[in-house]
Amino acid sequence: MLQDTAGHPLVIAHRGASGYRPEHTRAAYELAFALGAEAVEPDIVATRDGVLVLRHENEISGTTDVATRPEFAGRRTTREVDGRSLTGWFTEDFTWAELATLRATERLGALRQESASFDRRYPLLRLRDLFELVDAAADEHRRLLRMVAEFKHATHFAELGLPLDELFVAELEAAGWGRGDERLIMESFELDLLDRLRARGIRGPRVFLIEATGAPYDLVRAQGRGAARYDDFVTEAGLLGLAGRVDGVSVGKGRLIGELRSTEAADAARENMERRASGLLVGGELVDAAHSAGLRVYTWTLRPENRFLSRGFRRGSARAAFGDWLGEFTRLIGTGVDGIFVDHPDLGVEARTVAAAA
């Protein structure tokens, strides 16, 4: 029996070791576990023939070489996804056999040029491929490893006749994971999808992803302008309302270290006042309130480059240069979160070690 050596917070490799290799590739996932990640997070979308594949979005022009393939030029189209009009190439317009001919590219190529040097080297993966990879890596490293499965655009796919929950059940069973176990965590920006997974008897924590702005698309689709906004769920009442329905929440790091949308001092002060007046929770208060409601808390995405760091942790003006990532990472860990999503798993492990020793 494999030993569960996971620490606290759980270090989750965001789409694999996506700071070092193109995301959602075999190389990225294998490197993630080699660098100490205790879980990997795939984004799950569907093909026309109902195969679950791993891509950041169902629009794939930014993460594959599809735009260079003349045989697929006619597939470029405009679709409405979650209320937004997008133009490109979409997984639901391809069979798996067709997607299998594509190669992955670095999504942030201008910023992560070392990772971009691996462009077009790796094929795309199916969810079933990742199940096999996690099992093999667990045997190799002799420790229990987890998957944090993120379901993308569930309402959109359901309306196309591709229900992600139903397809996921089939993949779980085919992979020998049964109806899920301690290795599986499931997350979505749509509560309805999480409810359906529970109704299907899938075991494992279900986590509600909370955006910085806007409203869950499943609620917008059902309730229109009356839909609850993401902000409504990060109040004490909102968190208590989630208790029993989900097992945790996952919030962008800005909600924990107080990154404001405003840049001018006067506007920032006004924004803070508005947050307090509306009952919005931030930082350790948010984590404590969630824990009091019986919910785990995860945060995303911890990245070392200046472009992604909060203003106080940036060093110099080069966007691709690493800033004070250790300062930001340990600050976030200090709020008491239960899991961190990182692009560079080794840095997440190091930050956790430093935070524990402080």
Protein backbone atom coordinates (compact mmCIF):
# COMPACT_ATOMS: atom_id res chain seq x y z
CA MET A 1 0.00 0.00 0.00
CA LEU A 2 1.37 3.41 -0.98
CA GLN A 3 2.16 5.83 1.84
CA ASP A 4 0.42 9.21 1.87
CA THR A 5 3.33 11.61 2.40
CA ALA A 6 1.47 14.78 1.43
CA GLY A 7 2.26 17.87 3.48
CA HIS A 8 0.14 20.87 4.38
CA PRO A 9 -0.71 22.75 2.32
CA LEU A 10 -0.97 20.27 -0.53
CA VAL A 11 1.33 21.23 -3.43
CA ILE A 12 -0.67 20.90 -6.64
CA ALA A 13 1.09 21.16 -9.99
CA HIS A 14 -1.06 23.44 -12.12
CA ARG A 15 -1.46 21.61 -15.46
CA GLY A 16 1.74 19.77 -14.56
CA ALA A 17 5.06 21.55 -14.16
CA SER A 18 3.74 24.18 -16.55
CA GLY A 19 6.45 26.67 -15.67
CA TYR A 20 9.03 24.37 -17.24
CA ARG A 21 7.22 22.47 -20.02
CA PRO A 22 4.15 23.15 -22.19
CA GLU A 23 1.11 22.55 -20.00
CA HIS A 24 -0.95 19.36 -20.03
CA THR A 25 1.80 17.29 -21.63
CA ARG A 26 3.25 14.01 -20.43
CA ALA A 27 6.58 15.76 -19.85
CA ALA A 28 4.92 18.43 -17.69
CA TYR A 29 3.09 15.91 -15.52
CA GLU A 30 6.04 13.56 -15.10
CA LEU A 31 8.33 16.45 -14.22
CA ALA A 32 5.79 17.73 -11.69
CA PHE A 33 5.95 14.53 -9.66
CA ALA A 34 9.73 14.39 -9.98
CA LEU A 35 9.88 17.90 -8.49
CA GLY A 36 7.82 16.93 -5.47
CA ALA A 37 4.22 17.74 -6.42
CA GLU A 38 1.66 15.72 -4.45
CA ALA A 39 -1.10 16.26 -7.00
CA VAL A 40 -1.55 17.43 -10.57
CA GLU A 41 -4.42 19.50 -11.94
CA PRO A 42 -5.75 18.79 -15.43
CA ASP A 43 -8.34 20.96 -17.19
CA ILE A 44 -10.94 18.69 -18.79
CA VAL A 45 -12.83 19.38 -22.03
CA ALA A 46 -14.54 17.09 -24.54
CA THR A 47 -14.15 16.13 -28.19
CA ARG A 48 -16.94 15.70 -30.71
CA ASP A 49 -16.88 11.95 -30.14
CA GLY A 50 -17.06 12.23 -26.36
CA VAL A 51 -13.42 11.73 -25.41
CA LEU A 52 -12.22 13.79 -22.45
CA VAL A 53 -8.99 15.60 -23.28
CA LEU A 54 -6.65 17.87 -21.33
CA ARG A 55 -6.53 21.48 -22.51
CA HIS A 56 -6.65 24.84 -20.75
CA GLU A 57 -9.73 25.76 -22.78
CA ASN A 58 -11.87 24.17 -25.46
CA GLU A 59 -10.47 26.83 -27.83
CA ILE A 60 -7.03 25.40 -28.62
CA SER A 61 -5.23 27.86 -30.91
CA GLY A 62 -3.09 29.15 -28.03
CA THR A 63 -1.93 25.75 -26.77
CA THR A 64 -1.50 23.66 -29.94
CA ASP A 65 -0.18 23.99 -33.47
CA VAL A 66 -3.67 23.71 -34.98
CA ALA A 67 -3.43 27.13 -36.67
CA THR A 68 -0.48 25.88 -38.74
CA ARG A 69 -2.29 22.78 -39.99
CA PRO A 70 -3.81 23.41 -43.45
CA GLU A 71 -6.02 20.34 -43.17
CA PHE A 72 -7.87 22.01 -40.27
CA ALA A 73 -8.08 25.55 -41.65
CA GLY A 74 -11.78 25.09 -42.35
CA ARG A 75 -12.51 24.27 -38.71
CA ARG A 76 -11.80 27.82 -37.58
CA THR A 77 -15.09 29.27 -36.44
CA THR A 78 -16.80 31.59 -33.97
CA ARG A 79 -18.67 30.16 -31.00
CA GLU A 80 -20.34 31.53 -27.91
CA VAL A 81 -18.82 29.96 -24.81
CA ASP A 82 -20.21 30.92 -21.40
CA GLY A 83 -21.76 34.05 -22.89
CA ARG A 84 -18.59 35.21 -24.68
CA SER A 85 -17.97 35.18 -28.42
CA LEU A 86 -14.70 33.42 -29.28
CA THR A 87 -13.07 32.73 -32.62
CA GLY A 88 -10.68 29.85 -33.14
CA TRP A 89 -10.57 26.07 -33.13
CA PHE A 90 -12.66 24.17 -30.59
CA THR A 91 -12.23 20.65 -29.22
CA GLU A 92 -15.92 19.89 -29.76
CA ASP A 93 -15.40 20.23 -33.51
CA PHE A 94 -12.70 17.53 -33.59
CA THR A 95 -12.60 13.79 -33.00
CA TRP A 96 -9.92 12.44 -30.73
CA ALA A 97 -8.20 10.83 -33.71
CA GLU A 98 -7.85 14.30 -35.24
CA LEU A 99 -6.66 15.99 -32.04
CA ALA A 100 -4.09 13.24 -31.58
CA THR A 101 -2.27 14.53 -34.66
CA LEU A 102 -1.69 17.96 -33.07
CA ARG A 103 1.26 18.99 -30.92
CA ALA A 104 1.29 21.11 -27.79
CA THR A 105 2.75 24.62 -27.63
CA GLU A 106 3.63 26.90 -24.72
CA ARG A 107 0.68 29.18 -23.92
CA LEU A 108 2.93 31.89 -22.49
CA GLY A 109 5.68 31.61 -25.08
CA ALA A 110 6.81 35.23 -24.98
CA LEU A 111 7.27 35.03 -21.21
CA ARG A 112 8.48 31.45 -20.81
CA GLN A 113 10.87 31.04 -23.68
CA GLU A 114 12.65 28.03 -22.20
CA SER A 115 9.38 26.13 -22.04
CA ALA A 116 8.54 27.34 -25.56
CA SER A 117 11.71 25.63 -26.79
CA PHE A 118 9.75 22.39 -26.33
CA ASP A 119 6.93 23.51 -28.66
CA ARG A 120 5.56 20.87 -31.03
CA ARG A 121 7.49 18.11 -29.30
CA TYR A 122 4.64 16.54 -27.34
CA PRO A 123 1.22 15.21 -28.40
CA LEU A 124 -2.01 16.01 -26.58
CA LEU A 125 -3.26 13.76 -23.79
CA ARG A 126 -6.60 12.23 -22.95
CA LEU A 127 -7.84 12.04 -19.36
CA ARG A 128 -7.37 8.26 -19.49
CA ASP A 129 -3.68 8.82 -20.30
CA LEU A 130 -3.28 10.91 -17.16
CA PHE A 131 -4.92 8.28 -14.96
CA GLU A 132 -2.31 5.80 -16.20
CA LEU A 133 0.48 8.33 -15.71
CA VAL A 134 -0.55 9.08 -12.10
CA ASP A 135 -0.68 5.37 -11.29
CA ALA A 136 2.74 4.78 -12.86
CA ALA A 137 4.30 7.78 -11.10
CA ALA A 138 2.90 6.65 -7.74
CA ASP A 139 4.56 3.27 -8.18
CA GLU A 140 7.81 4.89 -9.29
CA HIS A 141 7.98 7.38 -6.42
CA ARG A 142 6.40 4.98 -3.91
CA ARG A 143 3.93 7.48 -2.55
CA LEU A 144 0.25 8.24 -2.95
CA LEU A 145 -0.34 10.84 -5.67
CA ARG A 146 -3.51 12.76 -6.42
CA MET A 147 -5.41 14.30 -9.29
CA VAL A 148 -7.35 17.56 -8.96
CA ALA A 149 -9.72 17.37 -11.93
CA GLU A 150 -11.06 20.71 -13.16
CA PHE A 151 -14.14 20.57 -15.37
CA LYS A 152 -14.24 23.39 -17.92
CA HIS A 153 -17.42 24.90 -19.41
CA ALA A 154 -19.76 22.19 -18.12
CA THR A 155 -22.97 23.96 -19.14
CA HIS A 156 -21.61 24.61 -22.63
CA PHE A 157 -20.70 20.98 -23.16
CA ALA A 158 -23.96 19.69 -21.67
CA GLU A 159 -25.91 21.78 -24.16
CA LEU A 160 -23.87 20.16 -26.96
CA GLY A 161 -24.86 16.70 -25.72
CA LEU A 162 -21.46 16.10 -24.09
CA PRO A 163 -22.17 15.98 -20.32
CA LEU A 164 -18.79 16.06 -18.63
CA ASP A 165 -20.02 14.32 -15.48
CA GLU A 166 -21.37 11.34 -17.41
CA LEU A 167 -18.24 11.05 -19.53
CA PHE A 168 -16.08 11.34 -16.41
CA VAL A 169 -17.81 8.42 -14.70
CA ALA A 170 -16.99 6.20 -17.66
CA GLU A 171 -13.35 7.31 -17.65
CA LEU A 172 -12.97 6.71 -13.90
CA GLU A 173 -14.27 3.18 -14.14
CA ALA A 174 -12.22 2.37 -17.24
CA ALA A 175 -9.08 3.57 -15.46
CA GLY A 176 -9.69 1.30 -12.48
CA TRP A 177 -10.38 4.20 -10.14
CA GLY A 178 -13.95 2.95 -9.56
CA ARG A 179 -16.14 5.77 -8.32
CA GLY A 180 -13.21 7.76 -7.00
CA ASP A 181 -11.25 7.62 -3.75
CA GLU A 182 -8.77 9.64 -1.69
CA ARG A 183 -6.65 10.24 -4.81
CA LEU A 184 -9.37 12.32 -6.48
CA ILE A 185 -10.40 15.95 -5.94
CA MET A 186 -12.93 17.57 -8.31
CA GLU A 187 -13.39 21.28 -8.97
CA SER A 188 -15.49 23.53 -11.14
CA PHE A 189 -16.63 27.13 -11.48
CA GLU A 190 -20.18 25.73 -11.79
CA LEU A 191 -21.99 24.34 -8.75
CA ASP A 192 -24.47 22.40 -10.87
CA LEU A 193 -21.67 20.22 -12.25
CA LEU A 194 -20.42 19.48 -8.72
CA ASP A 195 -23.98 18.55 -7.69
CA ARG A 196 -24.23 16.14 -10.61
CA LEU A 197 -20.95 14.47 -9.72
CA ARG A 198 -22.23 13.94 -6.19
CA ALA A 199 -25.54 12.55 -7.48
CA ARG A 200 -23.59 10.04 -9.57
CA GLY A 201 -21.89 8.77 -6.45
CA ILE A 202 -18.39 9.97 -7.31
CA ARG A 203 -16.25 9.92 -4.18
CA GLY A 204 -13.70 12.58 -3.40
CA PRO A 205 -13.82 16.22 -2.28
CA ARG A 206 -15.78 18.60 -4.49
CA VAL A 207 -14.39 22.14 -4.64
CA PHE A 208 -16.13 25.27 -5.89
CA LEU A 209 -13.84 27.57 -7.86
CA ILE A 210 -14.50 31.26 -7.17
CA GLU A 211 -13.47 33.85 -9.75
CA ALA A 212 -12.43 37.41 -8.88
CA THR A 213 -15.38 38.87 -10.80
CA GLY A 214 -18.58 37.84 -12.52
CA ALA A 215 -21.03 35.05 -11.79
CA PRO A 216 -21.11 31.25 -12.31
CA TYR A 217 -22.35 30.58 -15.83
CA ASP A 218 -24.69 27.78 -14.80
CA LEU A 219 -26.50 30.24 -12.50
CA VAL A 220 -26.52 32.95 -15.16
CA ARG A 221 -27.99 30.49 -17.64
CA ALA A 222 -30.73 29.49 -15.19
CA GLN A 223 -31.44 32.80 -13.45
CA GLY A 224 -30.25 35.57 -15.73
CA ARG A 225 -29.42 38.86 -14.06
CA GLY A 226 -30.66 37.55 -10.73
CA ALA A 227 -27.83 35.02 -10.50
CA ALA A 228 -25.60 35.13 -7.46
CA ARG A 229 -22.18 36.59 -8.16
CA TYR A 230 -18.90 35.01 -7.10
CA ASP A 231 -18.46 37.75 -4.50
CA ASP A 232 -21.66 36.56 -2.82
CA PHE A 233 -19.97 33.29 -1.90
CA VAL A 234 -17.03 34.87 -0.05
CA THR A 235 -19.06 36.33 2.78
CA GLU A 236 -19.75 34.46 6.01
CA ALA A 237 -23.31 33.79 4.87
CA GLY A 238 -22.14 32.68 1.44
CA LEU A 239 -19.61 30.22 2.84
CA LEU A 240 -22.13 28.80 5.30
CA GLY A 241 -24.51 28.34 2.38
CA LEU A 242 -21.92 26.19 0.60
CA ALA A 243 -21.33 23.97 3.63
CA GLY A 244 -22.70 20.51 3.02
CA ARG A 245 -23.06 21.16 -0.69
CA VAL A 246 -19.32 21.17 -1.46
CA ASP A 247 -16.23 20.25 0.50
CA GLY A 248 -14.10 23.27 -0.27
CA VAL A 249 -13.57 26.49 -2.14
CA SER A 250 -10.69 27.56 -4.36
CA VAL A 251 -9.99 31.26 -4.74
CA GLY A 252 -7.58 33.35 -6.77
CA LYS A 253 -4.62 34.49 -4.70
CA GLY A 254 -5.75 38.11 -4.94
CA ARG A 255 -8.55 37.35 -2.50
CA LEU A 256 -5.98 36.21 0.05
CA ILE A 257 -3.25 38.82 -0.19
CA GLY A 258 -5.54 41.74 -0.89
CA GLU A 259 -4.61 42.58 -4.47
CA LEU A 260 -6.97 45.37 -5.44
CA ARG A 261 -8.27 46.05 -8.90
CA SER A 262 -7.52 49.76 -8.45
CA THR A 263 -4.02 51.18 -8.87
CA GLU A 264 -4.57 54.76 -7.67
CA ALA A 265 -4.33 55.22 -3.90
CA ALA A 266 -7.66 56.99 -3.53
CA ASP A 267 -9.48 54.39 -5.65
CA ALA A 268 -7.83 51.56 -3.73
CA ALA A 269 -8.94 53.05 -0.41
CA ARG A 270 -12.48 53.36 -1.72
CA GLU A 271 -12.41 49.77 -2.95
CA ASN A 272 -11.30 48.50 0.45
CA MET A 273 -14.16 50.40 2.10
CA GLU A 274 -16.63 48.90 -0.35
CA ARG A 275 -15.32 45.41 0.34
CA ARG A 276 -15.73 45.80 4.08
CA ALA A 277 -19.17 47.33 3.74
CA SER A 278 -20.37 44.45 1.56
CA GLY A 279 -19.09 41.81 3.95
CA LEU A 280 -16.51 40.44 1.51
CA LEU A 281 -13.85 38.38 3.25
CA VAL A 282 -10.18 38.50 2.28
CA GLY A 283 -6.95 36.96 3.51
CA GLY A 284 -6.85 34.94 6.68
CA GLU A 285 -10.39 36.03 7.58
CA LEU A 286 -11.70 34.28 4.47
CA VAL A 287 -9.73 31.12 5.25
CA ASP A 288 -10.83 31.11 8.90
CA ALA A 289 -14.49 31.62 7.98
CA ALA A 290 -14.34 28.82 5.42
CA HIS A 291 -12.72 26.47 7.91
CA SER A 292 -15.38 27.37 10.47
CA ALA A 293 -17.99 26.37 7.88
CA GLY A 294 -16.24 23.03 7.41
CA LEU A 295 -14.74 23.92 4.03
CA ARG A 296 -11.19 23.41 2.78
CA VAL A 297 -9.51 26.34 1.05
CA TYR A 298 -7.25 26.22 -2.00
CA THR A 299 -5.65 29.10 -3.89
CA TRP A 300 -4.31 29.69 -7.40
CA THR A 301 -2.06 30.32 -9.17
CA LEU A 302 1.32 30.86 -7.51
CA ARG A 303 3.87 31.94 -10.13
CA PRO A 304 7.33 33.47 -9.61
CA GLU A 305 7.49 35.88 -12.54
CA ASN A 306 7.00 39.61 -11.95
CA ARG A 307 4.10 39.61 -14.37
CA PHE A 308 2.07 37.46 -11.98
CA LEU A 309 3.29 38.61 -8.58
CA SER A 310 1.35 41.13 -6.54
CA ARG A 311 2.84 44.61 -6.80
CA GLY A 312 4.67 44.53 -3.47
CA PHE A 313 6.59 41.40 -4.44
CA ARG A 314 7.83 42.45 -7.88
CA ARG A 315 11.53 43.12 -8.33
CA GLY A 316 12.75 45.17 -11.28
CA SER A 317 10.82 45.87 -14.46
CA ALA A 318 11.36 42.69 -16.51
CA ARG A 319 8.06 40.85 -16.68
CA ALA A 320 9.70 37.44 -17.14
CA ALA A 321 12.18 37.89 -14.28
CA PHE A 322 11.52 36.21 -10.96
CA GLY A 323 10.56 38.60 -8.21
CA ASP A 324 10.21 37.91 -4.50
CA TRP A 325 8.21 34.78 -5.18
CA LEU A 326 9.22 33.24 -1.86
CA GLY A 327 7.81 36.22 0.00
CA GLU A 328 4.48 36.00 -1.78
CA PHE A 329 4.23 32.22 -1.60
CA THR A 330 4.95 32.12 2.14
CA ARG A 331 2.50 34.97 2.74
CA LEU A 332 -0.22 32.94 1.04
CA ILE A 333 0.69 29.77 2.91
CA GLY A 334 0.55 31.79 6.12
CA THR A 335 -3.17 32.43 5.64
CA GLY A 336 -3.76 28.77 6.49
CA VAL A 337 -4.81 27.45 3.08
CA ASP A 338 -5.08 23.70 2.55
CA GLY A 339 -3.65 23.58 -0.97
CA ILE A 340 -1.67 25.75 -3.39
CA PHE A 341 -1.68 25.54 -7.19
CA VAL A 342 1.78 26.23 -8.61
CA ASP A 343 3.36 26.25 -12.06
CA HIS A 344 6.79 25.40 -10.56
CA PRO A 345 6.24 22.55 -8.08
CA ASP A 346 9.75 22.68 -6.65
CA LEU A 347 9.22 26.31 -5.65
CA GLY A 348 5.93 25.40 -3.96
CA VAL A 349 7.65 22.67 -1.96
CA GLU A 350 10.47 25.04 -0.99
CA ALA A 351 8.05 27.75 0.10
CA ARG A 352 6.13 25.29 2.25
CA THR A 353 9.35 24.17 3.93
CA VAL A 354 10.38 27.78 4.63
CA ALA A 355 6.92 28.67 5.95
CA ALA A 356 6.92 25.67 8.28
CA ALA A 357 10.30 26.66 9.70
CA ALA A 358 9.34 30.30 10.29
